[in-house]
């Protein structure tokens, strides 16, 4: 992951062109709209829903690097928070969604860059595996240590099982399934768009 942090620090010192900013804003808008096409997959954590808003973020990451992907995720979250309710509950959810996107995005970028001599589909699959593992671990810890206790304290949320059991039986399988579903769609789209994406970036 060292090269990822080097890329982040290098890109931080660079500026995006107006064209790039416009494209990133467009991707953020599409990502925002995709947040509303969401569905639950596990009954006892029905408040956790799968959506495909990370797809434009991942495509933006390929085109503009990890900083570009993170900016798209941040703009998406800001749009959602401002347009659906500026309150603490919504902010917690938006912050969690942003952290999830970043924890999914960075390993995918790292693997794609590290395996540059392999076939594209192979690289995409392994990158999604890494991203899914990262997403699952980060969100399990985040829910266990911060999110669920915060929801219980601030919003009075009640859980019907021990916190550790809820994380193990709900949060972990949810994020594994989410990572796989989003990853499959990402692999299919990136593979179909590879010629266009290669014109925009040297990551592929």
C-alpha atoms as a PDB file:
ATOM      1  CA  UNK A   1       0.000   0.000   0.000  1.00  0.00           C
ATOM      2  CA  UNK A   2       3.051   2.276   0.196  1.00  0.00           C
ATOM      3  CA  UNK A   3       2.704   3.252  -3.464  1.00  0.00           C
ATOM      4  CA  UNK A   4      -0.920   4.237  -2.854  1.00  0.00           C
ATOM      5  CA  UNK A   5       0.109   6.724  -0.186  1.00  0.00           C
ATOM      6  CA  UNK A   6       2.858   8.027  -2.467  1.00  0.00           C
ATOM      7  CA  UNK A   7       0.283   8.482  -5.246  1.00  0.00           C
ATOM      8  CA  UNK A   8      -2.072  10.229  -2.829  1.00  0.00           C
ATOM      9  CA  UNK A   9       0.615  12.657  -1.689  1.00  0.00           C
ATOM     10  CA  UNK A  10       1.761  13.302  -5.277  1.00  0.00           C
ATOM     11  CA  UNK A  11      -1.776  13.906  -6.548  1.00  0.00           C
ATOM     12  CA  UNK A  12      -2.519  16.126  -3.573  1.00  0.00           C
ATOM     13  CA  UNK A  13       0.053  18.584  -4.892  1.00  0.00           C
ATOM     14  CA  UNK A  14      -1.434  18.505  -8.392  1.00  0.00           C
ATOM     15  CA  UNK A  15      -4.522  20.312  -9.631  1.00  0.00           C
ATOM     16  CA  UNK A  16      -7.316  18.898 -11.748  1.00  0.00           C
ATOM     17  CA  UNK A  17      -8.291  20.592 -15.005  1.00  0.00           C
ATOM     18  CA  UNK A  18     -11.736  22.120 -15.429  1.00  0.00           C
ATOM     19  CA  UNK A  19     -12.669  19.219 -17.718  1.00  0.00           C
ATOM     20  CA  UNK A  20     -11.621  16.689 -15.078  1.00  0.00           C
ATOM     21  CA  UNK A  21     -13.561  18.522 -12.364  1.00  0.00           C
ATOM     22  CA  UNK A  22     -16.669  18.537 -14.570  1.00  0.00           C
ATOM     23  CA  UNK A  23     -16.362  14.792 -15.240  1.00  0.00           C
ATOM     24  CA  UNK A  24     -15.791  14.051 -11.548  1.00  0.00           C
ATOM     25  CA  UNK A  25     -18.851  16.133 -10.652  1.00  0.00           C
ATOM     26  CA  UNK A  26     -20.884  14.191 -13.227  1.00  0.00           C
ATOM     27  CA  UNK A  27     -19.690  10.887 -11.751  1.00  0.00           C
ATOM     28  CA  UNK A  28     -20.572  12.160  -8.266  1.00  0.00           C
ATOM     29  CA  UNK A  29     -24.064  13.059  -9.475  1.00  0.00           C
ATOM     30  CA  UNK A  30     -24.586   9.604 -10.976  1.00  0.00           C
ATOM     31  CA  UNK A  31     -23.237   8.027  -7.789  1.00  0.00           C
ATOM     32  CA  UNK A  32     -25.659  10.148  -5.727  1.00  0.00           C
ATOM     33  CA  UNK A  33     -28.626   8.992  -7.817  1.00  0.00           C
ATOM     34  CA  UNK A  34     -27.573   5.352  -7.520  1.00  0.00           C
ATOM     35  CA  UNK A  35     -27.788   5.644  -3.720  1.00  0.00           C
ATOM     36  CA  UNK A  36     -31.573   5.674  -4.084  1.00  0.00           C
ATOM     37  CA  UNK A  37     -31.595   2.321  -5.899  1.00  0.00           C
ATOM     38  CA  UNK A  38     -30.894   0.334  -2.752  1.00  0.00           C
ATOM     39  CA  UNK A  39     -32.170  -2.931  -1.297  1.00  0.00           C
ATOM     40  CA  UNK A  40     -31.675  -4.908   1.943  1.00  0.00           C
ATOM     41  CA  UNK A  41     -30.204  -8.404   1.787  1.00  0.00           C
ATOM     42  CA  UNK A  42     -30.209  -9.583   5.423  1.00  0.00           C
ATOM     43  CA  UNK A  43     -33.467  -9.403   7.438  1.00  0.00           C
ATOM     44  CA  UNK A  44     -32.024  -8.611  10.883  1.00  0.00           C
ATOM     45  CA  UNK A  45     -29.857  -5.767   9.563  1.00  0.00           C
ATOM     46  CA  UNK A  46     -32.486  -4.492   7.140  1.00  0.00           C
ATOM     47  CA  UNK A  47     -31.336  -0.904   7.722  1.00  0.00           C
ATOM     48  CA  UNK A  48     -28.147  -1.821   5.838  1.00  0.00           C
ATOM     49  CA  UNK A  49     -28.808  -1.727   2.102  1.00  0.00           C
ATOM     50  CA  UNK A  50     -26.781  -2.548  -0.987  1.00  0.00           C
ATOM     51  CA  UNK A  51     -26.484   0.064  -3.709  1.00  0.00           C
ATOM     52  CA  UNK A  52     -24.163   0.487  -6.662  1.00  0.00           C
ATOM     53  CA  UNK A  53     -23.078   4.071  -6.037  1.00  0.00           C
ATOM     54  CA  UNK A  54     -19.449   2.910  -5.757  1.00  0.00           C
ATOM     55  CA  UNK A  55     -19.320   2.018  -9.472  1.00  0.00           C
ATOM     56  CA  UNK A  56     -18.886   5.632 -10.724  1.00  0.00           C
ATOM     57  CA  UNK A  57     -16.425   6.210  -7.870  1.00  0.00           C
ATOM     58  CA  UNK A  58     -14.298   3.244  -8.962  1.00  0.00           C
ATOM     59  CA  UNK A  59     -14.411   4.297 -12.615  1.00  0.00           C
ATOM     60  CA  UNK A  60     -13.389   7.795 -11.542  1.00  0.00           C
ATOM     61  CA  UNK A  61     -10.548   6.299  -9.522  1.00  0.00           C
ATOM     62  CA  UNK A  62      -9.252   4.557 -12.656  1.00  0.00           C
ATOM     63  CA  UNK A  63      -9.450   7.774 -14.669  1.00  0.00           C
ATOM     64  CA  UNK A  64      -8.249  10.279 -12.071  1.00  0.00           C
ATOM     65  CA  UNK A  65      -6.356   8.231  -9.494  1.00  0.00           C
ATOM     66  CA  UNK A  66      -7.183   7.581  -5.829  1.00  0.00           C
ATOM     67  CA  UNK A  67      -7.547  11.273  -4.985  1.00  0.00           C
ATOM     68  CA  UNK A  68     -10.087  11.668  -7.795  1.00  0.00           C
ATOM     69  CA  UNK A  69     -12.048   8.666  -6.543  1.00  0.00           C
ATOM     70  CA  UNK A  70     -12.025   9.976  -2.978  1.00  0.00           C
ATOM     71  CA  UNK A  71     -13.208  13.409  -4.163  1.00  0.00           C
ATOM     72  CA  UNK A  72     -16.097  11.823  -6.080  1.00  0.00           C
ATOM     73  CA  UNK A  73     -17.084   9.868  -2.953  1.00  0.00           C
ATOM     74  CA  UNK A  74     -16.912  13.050  -0.858  1.00  0.00           C
ATOM     75  CA  UNK A  75     -19.040  15.067  -3.302  1.00  0.00           C
ATOM     76  CA  UNK A  76     -21.580  12.245  -3.460  1.00  0.00           C
ATOM     77  CA  UNK A  77     -21.825  12.158   0.324  1.00  0.00           C
ATOM     78  CA  UNK A  78     -22.130  15.931   0.599  1.00  0.00           C
ATOM     79  CA  UNK A  79     -24.901  15.994  -2.017  1.00  0.00           C
ATOM     80  CA  UNK A  80     -26.798  13.250  -0.206  1.00  0.00           C
ATOM     81  CA  UNK A  81     -26.479  14.953   3.178  1.00  0.00           C
ATOM     82  CA  UNK A  82     -27.538  18.380   1.895  1.00  0.00           C
ATOM     83  CA  UNK A  83     -30.452  17.136  -0.210  1.00  0.00           C
ATOM     84  CA  UNK A  84     -31.919  14.472   2.096  1.00  0.00           C
ATOM     85  CA  UNK A  85     -31.581  16.117   5.486  1.00  0.00           C
ATOM     86  CA  UNK A  86     -28.891  18.031   7.362  1.00  0.00           C
ATOM     87  CA  UNK A  87     -29.102  16.208  10.691  1.00  0.00           C
ATOM     88  CA  UNK A  88     -26.828  14.126  12.886  1.00  0.00           C
ATOM     89  CA  UNK A  89     -28.366  10.756  11.969  1.00  0.00           C
ATOM     90  CA  UNK A  90     -27.951  11.428   8.265  1.00  0.00           C
ATOM     91  CA  UNK A  91     -24.401  12.684   8.811  1.00  0.00           C
ATOM     92  CA  UNK A  92     -23.415   9.472  10.603  1.00  0.00           C
ATOM     93  CA  UNK A  93     -24.744   7.405   7.701  1.00  0.00           C
ATOM     94  CA  UNK A  94     -23.033   9.591   5.097  1.00  0.00           C
ATOM     95  CA  UNK A  95     -19.716   9.436   6.970  1.00  0.00           C
ATOM     96  CA  UNK A  96     -19.972   5.642   7.203  1.00  0.00           C
ATOM     97  CA  UNK A  97     -20.735   5.425   3.480  1.00  0.00           C
ATOM     98  CA  UNK A  98     -17.692   7.586   2.682  1.00  0.00           C
ATOM     99  CA  UNK A  99     -15.394   5.447   4.827  1.00  0.00           C
ATOM    100  CA  UNK A 100     -16.806   2.313   3.174  1.00  0.00           C
ATOM    101  CA  UNK A 101     -16.131   3.716  -0.303  1.00  0.00           C
ATOM    102  CA  UNK A 102     -12.546   4.665   0.556  1.00  0.00           C
ATOM    103  CA  UNK A 103     -11.818   1.322   2.232  1.00  0.00           C
ATOM    104  CA  UNK A 104     -13.100  -0.431  -0.916  1.00  0.00           C
ATOM    105  CA  UNK A 105     -11.392   1.913  -3.389  1.00  0.00           C
ATOM    106  CA  UNK A 106      -7.814   2.062  -2.091  1.00  0.00           C
ATOM    107  CA  UNK A 107      -7.048  -1.696  -2.144  1.00  0.00           C
ATOM    108  CA  UNK A 108      -8.574  -1.970  -5.622  1.00  0.00           C
ATOM    109  CA  UNK A 109      -6.279   0.794  -6.842  1.00  0.00           C
ATOM    110  CA  UNK A 110      -3.249  -0.770  -5.122  1.00  0.00           C
ATOM    111  CA  UNK A 111      -3.813  -4.229  -6.633  1.00  0.00           C
ATOM    112  CA  UNK A 112      -4.513  -2.874 -10.129  1.00  0.00           C
ATOM    113  CA  UNK A 113      -1.273  -0.920 -10.001  1.00  0.00           C
ATOM    114  CA  UNK A 114       0.811  -3.714  -8.455  1.00  0.00           C
ATOM    115  CA  UNK A 115      -0.359  -6.418 -10.908  1.00  0.00           C
ATOM    116  CA  UNK A 116       0.212  -4.319 -14.020  1.00  0.00           C
ATOM    117  CA  UNK A 117       1.769  -7.234 -15.938  1.00  0.00           C
ATOM    118  CA  UNK A 118      -1.264  -9.538 -15.603  1.00  0.00           C
ATOM    119  CA  UNK A 119      -4.415  -9.878 -17.717  1.00  0.00           C
ATOM    120  CA  UNK A 120      -6.954  -7.159 -17.008  1.00  0.00           C
ATOM    121  CA  UNK A 121      -9.767  -9.468 -15.869  1.00  0.00           C
ATOM    122  CA  UNK A 122      -7.385 -11.254 -13.483  1.00  0.00           C
ATOM    123  CA  UNK A 123      -6.263  -7.925 -12.053  1.00  0.00           C
ATOM    124  CA  UNK A 124      -9.832  -6.703 -11.680  1.00  0.00           C
ATOM    125  CA  UNK A 125     -10.933  -9.877  -9.900  1.00  0.00           C
ATOM    126  CA  UNK A 126      -8.021  -9.848  -7.448  1.00  0.00           C
ATOM    127  CA  UNK A 127      -8.511  -6.140  -6.826  1.00  0.00           C
ATOM    128  CA  UNK A 128     -12.165  -6.721  -5.954  1.00  0.00           C
ATOM    129  CA  UNK A 129     -11.182  -9.565  -3.602  1.00  0.00           C
ATOM    130  CA  UNK A 130      -8.767  -7.208  -1.809  1.00  0.00           C
ATOM    131  CA  UNK A 131     -11.345  -4.419  -1.736  1.00  0.00           C
ATOM    132  CA  UNK A 132     -14.045  -6.711  -0.346  1.00  0.00           C
ATOM    133  CA  UNK A 133     -11.773  -7.975   2.441  1.00  0.00           C
ATOM    134  CA  UNK A 134     -10.785  -4.411   3.323  1.00  0.00           C
ATOM    135  CA  UNK A 135     -14.406  -3.218   3.238  1.00  0.00           C
ATOM    136  CA  UNK A 136     -15.526  -6.079   5.472  1.00  0.00           C
ATOM    137  CA  UNK A 137     -12.773  -5.644   8.073  1.00  0.00           C
ATOM    138  CA  UNK A 138     -13.010  -1.839   8.231  1.00  0.00           C
ATOM    139  CA  UNK A 139     -16.811  -1.780   8.462  1.00  0.00           C
ATOM    140  CA  UNK A 140     -16.867  -4.572  11.055  1.00  0.00           C
ATOM    141  CA  UNK A 141     -14.509  -2.594  13.305  1.00  0.00           C
ATOM    142  CA  UNK A 142     -16.279   0.696  12.570  1.00  0.00           C
ATOM    143  CA  UNK A 143     -19.719  -0.719  13.422  1.00  0.00           C
ATOM    144  CA  UNK A 144     -18.459  -2.509  16.517  1.00  0.00           C
ATOM    145  CA  UNK A 145     -16.443   0.366  17.979  1.00  0.00           C
ATOM    146  CA  UNK A 146     -18.235   3.470  16.692  1.00  0.00           C
ATOM    147  CA  UNK A 147     -21.352   3.293  14.525  1.00  0.00           C
ATOM    148  CA  UNK A 148     -23.731   0.974  16.379  1.00  0.00           C
ATOM    149  CA  UNK A 149     -22.816   2.371  19.838  1.00  0.00           C
ATOM    150  CA  UNK A 150     -23.277   5.878  18.403  1.00  0.00           C
ATOM    151  CA  UNK A 151     -26.687   5.024  16.937  1.00  0.00           C
ATOM    152  CA  UNK A 152     -27.693   3.487  20.281  1.00  0.00           C
ATOM    153  CA  UNK A 153     -26.564   6.567  22.225  1.00  0.00           C
ATOM    154  CA  UNK A 154     -27.644   9.377  19.903  1.00  0.00           C
ATOM    155  CA  UNK A 155     -30.728   7.877  18.260  1.00  0.00           C
ATOM    156  CA  UNK A 156     -31.834   5.383  20.896  1.00  0.00           C
ATOM    157  CA  UNK A 157     -31.477   2.434  18.526  1.00  0.00           C
ATOM    158  CA  UNK A 158     -32.119  -0.908  20.207  1.00  0.00           C
ATOM    159  CA  UNK A 159     -30.526  -4.194  19.197  1.00  0.00           C
ATOM    160  CA  UNK A 160     -31.943  -7.631  19.943  1.00  0.00           C
ATOM    161  CA  UNK A 161     -28.620  -9.458  20.254  1.00  0.00           C
ATOM    162  CA  UNK A 162     -25.154  -8.796  21.672  1.00  0.00           C
ATOM    163  CA  UNK A 163     -23.200  -6.203  19.703  1.00  0.00           C
ATOM    164  CA  UNK A 164     -20.387  -8.603  18.796  1.00  0.00           C
ATOM    165  CA  UNK A 165     -22.921 -11.144  17.529  1.00  0.00           C
ATOM    166  CA  UNK A 166     -24.694  -8.516  15.448  1.00  0.00           C
ATOM    167  CA  UNK A 167     -21.403  -7.520  13.839  1.00  0.00           C
ATOM    168  CA  UNK A 168     -20.364 -11.123  13.217  1.00  0.00           C
ATOM    169  CA  UNK A 169     -23.712 -12.356  11.880  1.00  0.00           C
ATOM    170  CA  UNK A 170     -24.972  -9.154  10.261  1.00  0.00           C
ATOM    171  CA  UNK A 171     -22.325  -6.580   9.392  1.00  0.00           C
ATOM    172  CA  UNK A 172     -19.635  -9.018   8.222  1.00  0.00           C
ATOM    173  CA  UNK A 173     -21.776 -11.116   5.831  1.00  0.00           C
ATOM    174  CA  UNK A 174     -23.553  -7.985   4.576  1.00  0.00           C
ATOM    175  CA  UNK A 175     -20.302  -6.329   3.519  1.00  0.00           C
ATOM    176  CA  UNK A 176     -18.936  -9.547   2.037  1.00  0.00           C
ATOM    177  CA  UNK A 177     -22.053  -9.865  -0.121  1.00  0.00           C
ATOM    178  CA  UNK A 178     -22.041  -6.151  -0.961  1.00  0.00           C
ATOM    179  CA  UNK A 179     -18.387  -6.258  -2.000  1.00  0.00           C
ATOM    180  CA  UNK A 180     -18.998  -9.280  -4.217  1.00  0.00           C
ATOM    181  CA  UNK A 181     -22.106  -7.803  -5.889  1.00  0.00           C
ATOM    182  CA  UNK A 182     -20.579  -4.370  -6.488  1.00  0.00           C
ATOM    183  CA  UNK A 183     -17.308  -6.009  -7.527  1.00  0.00           C
ATOM    184  CA  UNK A 184     -18.968  -8.210 -10.153  1.00  0.00           C
ATOM    185  CA  UNK A 185     -20.708  -5.215 -11.731  1.00  0.00           C
ATOM    186  CA  UNK A 186     -17.478  -3.192 -11.613  1.00  0.00           C
ATOM    187  CA  UNK A 187     -15.455  -5.968 -13.281  1.00  0.00           C
ATOM    188  CA  UNK A 188     -18.033  -6.354 -16.064  1.00  0.00           C
ATOM    189  CA  UNK A 189     -18.265  -2.607 -16.730  1.00  0.00           C
ATOM    190  CA  UNK A 190     -14.512  -1.941 -16.508  1.00  0.00           C
ATOM    191  CA  UNK A 191     -13.782  -4.862 -18.826  1.00  0.00           C
ATOM    192  CA  UNK A 192     -16.311  -3.602 -21.385  1.00  0.00           C
ATOM    193  CA  UNK A 193     -14.969  -0.032 -21.101  1.00  0.00           C
ATOM    194  CA  UNK A 194     -11.279  -0.964 -21.038  1.00  0.00           C
ATOM    195  CA  UNK A 195     -10.411   0.683 -24.373  1.00  0.00           C
ATOM    196  CA  UNK A 196     -11.968   3.988 -23.300  1.00  0.00           C
ATOM    197  CA  UNK A 197     -10.476   3.798 -19.800  1.00  0.00           C
ATOM    198  CA  UNK A 198      -7.010   3.084 -21.179  1.00  0.00           C
ATOM    199  CA  UNK A 199      -7.236   6.269 -23.220  1.00  0.00           C
ATOM    200  CA  UNK A 200      -7.919   8.190 -20.008  1.00  0.00           C
ATOM    201  CA  UNK A 201      -5.460   6.486 -17.657  1.00  0.00           C
ATOM    202  CA  UNK A 202      -2.391   4.253 -17.582  1.00  0.00           C
ATOM    203  CA  UNK A 203      -3.683   2.289 -14.563  1.00  0.00           C
ATOM    204  CA  UNK A 204      -5.204  -0.421 -16.773  1.00  0.00           C
END
